[in-house]
């Protein structure tokens, strides 16, 4: 890929990272400022805002050891950024998807440094066997992961089809 295209794609990547990080932090700040911890505000019958703190990792695992997840996450975020810069054949959608993933991950890391924990508040009701509360950054990570997986499977199917014209 020409350097000009890579620079443009990295610009979009970092723009999305900054946008997601800013949005997630602003919403987290709003939740922290307006909803008392361990209380719930009912938005509608499906969505409640329940302000809790996650001092652990994914799905609340390893409570009190959030620093482990922050350390691993920092390494992963730098690794993804290096991968995007140094890999010769990255598609534009990968820059975009990884922008959402890195922005969401960076927001959760920043929460850990600023608040000592991640601010979670999105509480979805009426889903069997689901009792997790998450945040905007987590949603943004999924906004990046699912299309990335979809396009990756689509690309691997295209590559394995010998009858397809290039």
C-alpha atoms as a PDB file:
ATOM      1  CA  UNK A   1       0.000   0.000   0.000  1.00  0.00           C
ATOM      2  CA  UNK A   2       1.398   3.410  -0.897  1.00  0.00           C
ATOM      3  CA  UNK A   3       2.458   5.532   2.065  1.00  0.00           C
ATOM      4  CA  UNK A   4      -0.125   8.171   1.145  1.00  0.00           C
ATOM      5  CA  UNK A   5      -3.001   5.654   1.504  1.00  0.00           C
ATOM      6  CA  UNK A   6      -1.554   4.229   4.708  1.00  0.00           C
ATOM      7  CA  UNK A   7      -1.242   7.727   6.182  1.00  0.00           C
ATOM      8  CA  UNK A   8      -4.853   8.503   5.237  1.00  0.00           C
ATOM      9  CA  UNK A   9      -6.079   5.236   6.733  1.00  0.00           C
ATOM     10  CA  UNK A  10      -4.079   5.826   9.928  1.00  0.00           C
ATOM     11  CA  UNK A  11      -5.640   9.293  10.098  1.00  0.00           C
ATOM     12  CA  UNK A  12      -9.101   7.699  10.003  1.00  0.00           C
ATOM     13  CA  UNK A  13      -8.038   5.104  12.557  1.00  0.00           C
ATOM     14  CA  UNK A  14      -6.800   7.734  15.028  1.00  0.00           C
ATOM     15  CA  UNK A  15      -9.801  10.000  14.358  1.00  0.00           C
ATOM     16  CA  UNK A  16     -12.154   7.148  15.269  1.00  0.00           C
ATOM     17  CA  UNK A  17     -10.028   6.260  18.315  1.00  0.00           C
ATOM     18  CA  UNK A  18     -10.171   9.858  19.590  1.00  0.00           C
ATOM     19  CA  UNK A  19     -13.896  10.164  18.792  1.00  0.00           C
ATOM     20  CA  UNK A  20     -14.805   6.918  20.585  1.00  0.00           C
ATOM     21  CA  UNK A  21     -12.539   7.735  23.527  1.00  0.00           C
ATOM     22  CA  UNK A  22     -14.060  11.207  23.875  1.00  0.00           C
ATOM     23  CA  UNK A  23     -17.663  10.025  23.556  1.00  0.00           C
ATOM     24  CA  UNK A  24     -17.163   7.181  26.037  1.00  0.00           C
ATOM     25  CA  UNK A  25     -15.417   9.426  28.553  1.00  0.00           C
ATOM     26  CA  UNK A  26     -18.069  12.140  28.301  1.00  0.00           C
ATOM     27  CA  UNK A  27     -20.876   9.636  28.852  1.00  0.00           C
ATOM     28  CA  UNK A  28     -18.958   8.019  31.728  1.00  0.00           C
ATOM     29  CA  UNK A  29     -18.416  11.428  33.296  1.00  0.00           C
ATOM     30  CA  UNK A  30     -22.131  12.181  32.937  1.00  0.00           C
ATOM     31  CA  UNK A  31     -23.063   8.860  34.588  1.00  0.00           C
ATOM     32  CA  UNK A  32     -20.551   9.447  37.388  1.00  0.00           C
ATOM     33  CA  UNK A  33     -21.881  12.976  37.950  1.00  0.00           C
ATOM     34  CA  UNK A  34     -25.613  12.299  37.773  1.00  0.00           C
ATOM     35  CA  UNK A  35     -26.307   8.713  38.892  1.00  0.00           C
ATOM     36  CA  UNK A  36     -25.227   7.729  42.368  1.00  0.00           C
ATOM     37  CA  UNK A  37     -23.193   4.527  42.523  1.00  0.00           C
ATOM     38  CA  UNK A  38     -25.217   1.339  43.015  1.00  0.00           C
ATOM     39  CA  UNK A  39     -28.464   3.019  42.025  1.00  0.00           C
ATOM     40  CA  UNK A  40     -30.651   2.527  38.967  1.00  0.00           C
ATOM     41  CA  UNK A  41     -32.471   4.970  36.731  1.00  0.00           C
ATOM     42  CA  UNK A  42     -35.140   3.292  34.606  1.00  0.00           C
ATOM     43  CA  UNK A  43     -35.085   4.627  31.069  1.00  0.00           C
ATOM     44  CA  UNK A  44     -37.698   2.178  29.803  1.00  0.00           C
ATOM     45  CA  UNK A  45     -38.711  -1.410  30.513  1.00  0.00           C
ATOM     46  CA  UNK A  46     -35.775  -2.747  28.480  1.00  0.00           C
ATOM     47  CA  UNK A  47     -32.935  -0.365  29.364  1.00  0.00           C
ATOM     48  CA  UNK A  48     -31.936   0.731  32.838  1.00  0.00           C
ATOM     49  CA  UNK A  49     -28.936   2.858  33.786  1.00  0.00           C
ATOM     50  CA  UNK A  50     -27.356   1.190  36.810  1.00  0.00           C
ATOM     51  CA  UNK A  51     -24.142   2.886  37.934  1.00  0.00           C
ATOM     52  CA  UNK A  52     -21.670   0.288  39.158  1.00  0.00           C
ATOM     53  CA  UNK A  53     -17.893   0.067  39.233  1.00  0.00           C
ATOM     54  CA  UNK A  54     -15.917  -2.809  37.765  1.00  0.00           C
ATOM     55  CA  UNK A  55     -12.640  -3.186  39.655  1.00  0.00           C
ATOM     56  CA  UNK A  56     -11.814  -6.317  37.671  1.00  0.00           C
ATOM     57  CA  UNK A  57     -11.891  -7.311  34.044  1.00  0.00           C
ATOM     58  CA  UNK A  58     -14.215  -8.772  31.464  1.00  0.00           C
ATOM     59  CA  UNK A  59     -17.581  -9.759  32.977  1.00  0.00           C
ATOM     60  CA  UNK A  60     -16.262  -8.629  36.375  1.00  0.00           C
ATOM     61  CA  UNK A  61     -13.601 -11.360  36.588  1.00  0.00           C
ATOM     62  CA  UNK A  62     -10.685 -10.951  38.998  1.00  0.00           C
ATOM     63  CA  UNK A  63     -12.153  -8.098  41.033  1.00  0.00           C
ATOM     64  CA  UNK A  64      -9.477  -5.860  42.513  1.00  0.00           C
ATOM     65  CA  UNK A  65      -6.985  -6.807  39.806  1.00  0.00           C
ATOM     66  CA  UNK A  66      -7.965  -4.284  37.155  1.00  0.00           C
ATOM     67  CA  UNK A  67      -4.325  -3.256  36.794  1.00  0.00           C
ATOM     68  CA  UNK A  68      -3.648  -6.639  35.122  1.00  0.00           C
ATOM     69  CA  UNK A  69      -6.276  -5.913  32.471  1.00  0.00           C
ATOM     70  CA  UNK A  70      -5.036  -2.339  32.049  1.00  0.00           C
ATOM     71  CA  UNK A  71      -1.460  -3.538  31.513  1.00  0.00           C
ATOM     72  CA  UNK A  72      -2.467  -6.223  29.013  1.00  0.00           C
ATOM     73  CA  UNK A  73      -4.808  -3.801  27.239  1.00  0.00           C
ATOM     74  CA  UNK A  74      -2.123  -1.152  26.836  1.00  0.00           C
ATOM     75  CA  UNK A  75       0.132  -3.730  25.201  1.00  0.00           C
ATOM     76  CA  UNK A  76      -2.668  -4.885  22.911  1.00  0.00           C
ATOM     77  CA  UNK A  77      -3.570  -1.335  21.871  1.00  0.00           C
ATOM     78  CA  UNK A  78       0.033  -0.559  20.950  1.00  0.00           C
ATOM     79  CA  UNK A  79       0.269  -3.927  19.187  1.00  0.00           C
ATOM     80  CA  UNK A  80      -2.826  -3.239  17.078  1.00  0.00           C
ATOM     81  CA  UNK A  81      -1.550   0.228  16.170  1.00  0.00           C
ATOM     82  CA  UNK A  82       1.838  -1.210  15.140  1.00  0.00           C
ATOM     83  CA  UNK A  83       0.121  -3.968  13.152  1.00  0.00           C
ATOM     84  CA  UNK A  84      -1.905  -1.398  11.235  1.00  0.00           C
ATOM     85  CA  UNK A  85       1.135   0.747  10.496  1.00  0.00           C
ATOM     86  CA  UNK A  86       3.637  -1.968   9.567  1.00  0.00           C
ATOM     87  CA  UNK A  87       1.490  -4.586   7.853  1.00  0.00           C
ATOM     88  CA  UNK A  88       1.623  -4.211   4.073  1.00  0.00           C
ATOM     89  CA  UNK A  89      -1.920  -5.297   3.139  1.00  0.00           C
ATOM     90  CA  UNK A  90      -4.526  -3.878   5.490  1.00  0.00           C
ATOM     91  CA  UNK A  91      -7.969  -3.091   4.177  1.00  0.00           C
ATOM     92  CA  UNK A  92      -9.653   0.215   5.005  1.00  0.00           C
ATOM     93  CA  UNK A  93     -12.440  -1.521   6.953  1.00  0.00           C
ATOM     94  CA  UNK A  94      -9.773  -2.964   9.270  1.00  0.00           C
ATOM     95  CA  UNK A  95      -8.526   0.526  10.149  1.00  0.00           C
ATOM     96  CA  UNK A  96     -12.097   1.593  10.858  1.00  0.00           C
ATOM     97  CA  UNK A  97     -13.015  -1.487  12.905  1.00  0.00           C
ATOM     98  CA  UNK A  98      -9.786  -1.401  14.894  1.00  0.00           C
ATOM     99  CA  UNK A  99     -10.410   2.307  15.526  1.00  0.00           C
ATOM    100  CA  UNK A 100     -13.600   1.421  17.404  1.00  0.00           C
ATOM    101  CA  UNK A 101     -11.886  -1.421  19.270  1.00  0.00           C
ATOM    102  CA  UNK A 102      -8.852   0.638  20.300  1.00  0.00           C
ATOM    103  CA  UNK A 103     -10.987   3.675  21.211  1.00  0.00           C
ATOM    104  CA  UNK A 104     -13.221   1.580  23.458  1.00  0.00           C
ATOM    105  CA  UNK A 105     -10.274  -0.202  25.023  1.00  0.00           C
ATOM    106  CA  UNK A 106      -8.456   3.087  25.612  1.00  0.00           C
ATOM    107  CA  UNK A 107     -11.555   4.508  27.315  1.00  0.00           C
ATOM    108  CA  UNK A 108     -11.739   1.582  29.743  1.00  0.00           C
ATOM    109  CA  UNK A 109      -8.013   1.960  30.475  1.00  0.00           C
ATOM    110  CA  UNK A 110      -8.466   5.680  31.096  1.00  0.00           C
ATOM    111  CA  UNK A 111     -11.370   4.908  33.461  1.00  0.00           C
ATOM    112  CA  UNK A 112      -9.057   2.659  35.463  1.00  0.00           C
ATOM    113  CA  UNK A 113      -6.446   5.412  35.767  1.00  0.00           C
ATOM    114  CA  UNK A 114      -8.892   8.255  36.490  1.00  0.00           C
ATOM    115  CA  UNK A 115     -11.472   6.494  38.676  1.00  0.00           C
ATOM    116  CA  UNK A 116      -9.614   3.361  39.796  1.00  0.00           C
ATOM    117  CA  UNK A 117     -12.276   1.250  38.093  1.00  0.00           C
ATOM    118  CA  UNK A 118     -14.410   1.108  34.966  1.00  0.00           C
ATOM    119  CA  UNK A 119     -17.764   2.923  35.111  1.00  0.00           C
ATOM    120  CA  UNK A 120     -20.449   0.510  33.888  1.00  0.00           C
ATOM    121  CA  UNK A 121     -24.084   1.543  33.567  1.00  0.00           C
ATOM    122  CA  UNK A 122     -25.960  -0.016  30.628  1.00  0.00           C
ATOM    123  CA  UNK A 123     -28.259  -2.583  32.213  1.00  0.00           C
ATOM    124  CA  UNK A 124     -30.390  -4.508  29.694  1.00  0.00           C
ATOM    125  CA  UNK A 125     -33.454  -6.196  31.156  1.00  0.00           C
ATOM    126  CA  UNK A 126     -35.524  -9.251  30.174  1.00  0.00           C
ATOM    127  CA  UNK A 127     -32.769 -11.293  28.549  1.00  0.00           C
ATOM    128  CA  UNK A 128     -32.636 -14.812  30.025  1.00  0.00           C
ATOM    129  CA  UNK A 129     -29.364 -15.666  31.797  1.00  0.00           C
ATOM    130  CA  UNK A 130     -28.001 -12.156  31.205  1.00  0.00           C
ATOM    131  CA  UNK A 131     -27.144 -10.052  34.219  1.00  0.00           C
ATOM    132  CA  UNK A 132     -24.178  -8.050  32.985  1.00  0.00           C
ATOM    133  CA  UNK A 133     -23.860  -4.293  33.089  1.00  0.00           C
ATOM    134  CA  UNK A 134     -21.550  -2.641  30.572  1.00  0.00           C
ATOM    135  CA  UNK A 135     -20.613   0.781  29.216  1.00  0.00           C
ATOM    136  CA  UNK A 136     -20.332   2.799  26.017  1.00  0.00           C
ATOM    137  CA  UNK A 137     -16.711   1.751  25.495  1.00  0.00           C
ATOM    138  CA  UNK A 138     -17.734  -1.918  25.585  1.00  0.00           C
ATOM    139  CA  UNK A 139     -20.401  -1.219  22.955  1.00  0.00           C
ATOM    140  CA  UNK A 140     -17.796   0.482  20.751  1.00  0.00           C
ATOM    141  CA  UNK A 141     -15.478  -2.528  21.046  1.00  0.00           C
ATOM    142  CA  UNK A 142     -18.322  -4.687  19.750  1.00  0.00           C
ATOM    143  CA  UNK A 143     -19.090  -2.165  16.990  1.00  0.00           C
ATOM    144  CA  UNK A 144     -15.533  -2.869  15.812  1.00  0.00           C
ATOM    145  CA  UNK A 145     -15.272  -6.603  16.495  1.00  0.00           C
ATOM    146  CA  UNK A 146     -18.406  -7.906  14.797  1.00  0.00           C
ATOM    147  CA  UNK A 147     -17.936  -6.278  11.368  1.00  0.00           C
ATOM    148  CA  UNK A 148     -14.247  -7.198  11.497  1.00  0.00           C
ATOM    149  CA  UNK A 149     -15.160 -10.848  12.079  1.00  0.00           C
ATOM    150  CA  UNK A 150     -17.856 -10.748   9.410  1.00  0.00           C
ATOM    151  CA  UNK A 151     -15.550  -9.245   6.778  1.00  0.00           C
ATOM    152  CA  UNK A 152     -12.719 -11.592   7.782  1.00  0.00           C
ATOM    153  CA  UNK A 153     -14.936 -14.635   7.238  1.00  0.00           C
ATOM    154  CA  UNK A 154     -16.166 -13.168   3.973  1.00  0.00           C
ATOM    155  CA  UNK A 155     -12.569 -12.556   2.820  1.00  0.00           C
ATOM    156  CA  UNK A 156     -11.438 -16.057   3.779  1.00  0.00           C
ATOM    157  CA  UNK A 157     -14.392 -17.506   1.838  1.00  0.00           C
ATOM    158  CA  UNK A 158     -13.461 -15.426  -1.203  1.00  0.00           C
ATOM    159  CA  UNK A 159      -9.819 -16.549  -1.034  1.00  0.00           C
ATOM    160  CA  UNK A 160     -10.762 -20.218  -0.800  1.00  0.00           C
ATOM    161  CA  UNK A 161     -13.017 -20.060  -3.877  1.00  0.00           C
ATOM    162  CA  UNK A 162     -10.742 -21.006  -6.793  1.00  0.00           C
ATOM    163  CA  UNK A 163     -13.442 -20.265  -9.406  1.00  0.00           C
ATOM    164  CA  UNK A 164     -13.721 -16.620  -8.445  1.00  0.00           C
ATOM    165  CA  UNK A 165     -12.120 -14.142 -10.813  1.00  0.00           C
ATOM    166  CA  UNK A 166      -9.669 -11.658  -9.252  1.00  0.00           C
END
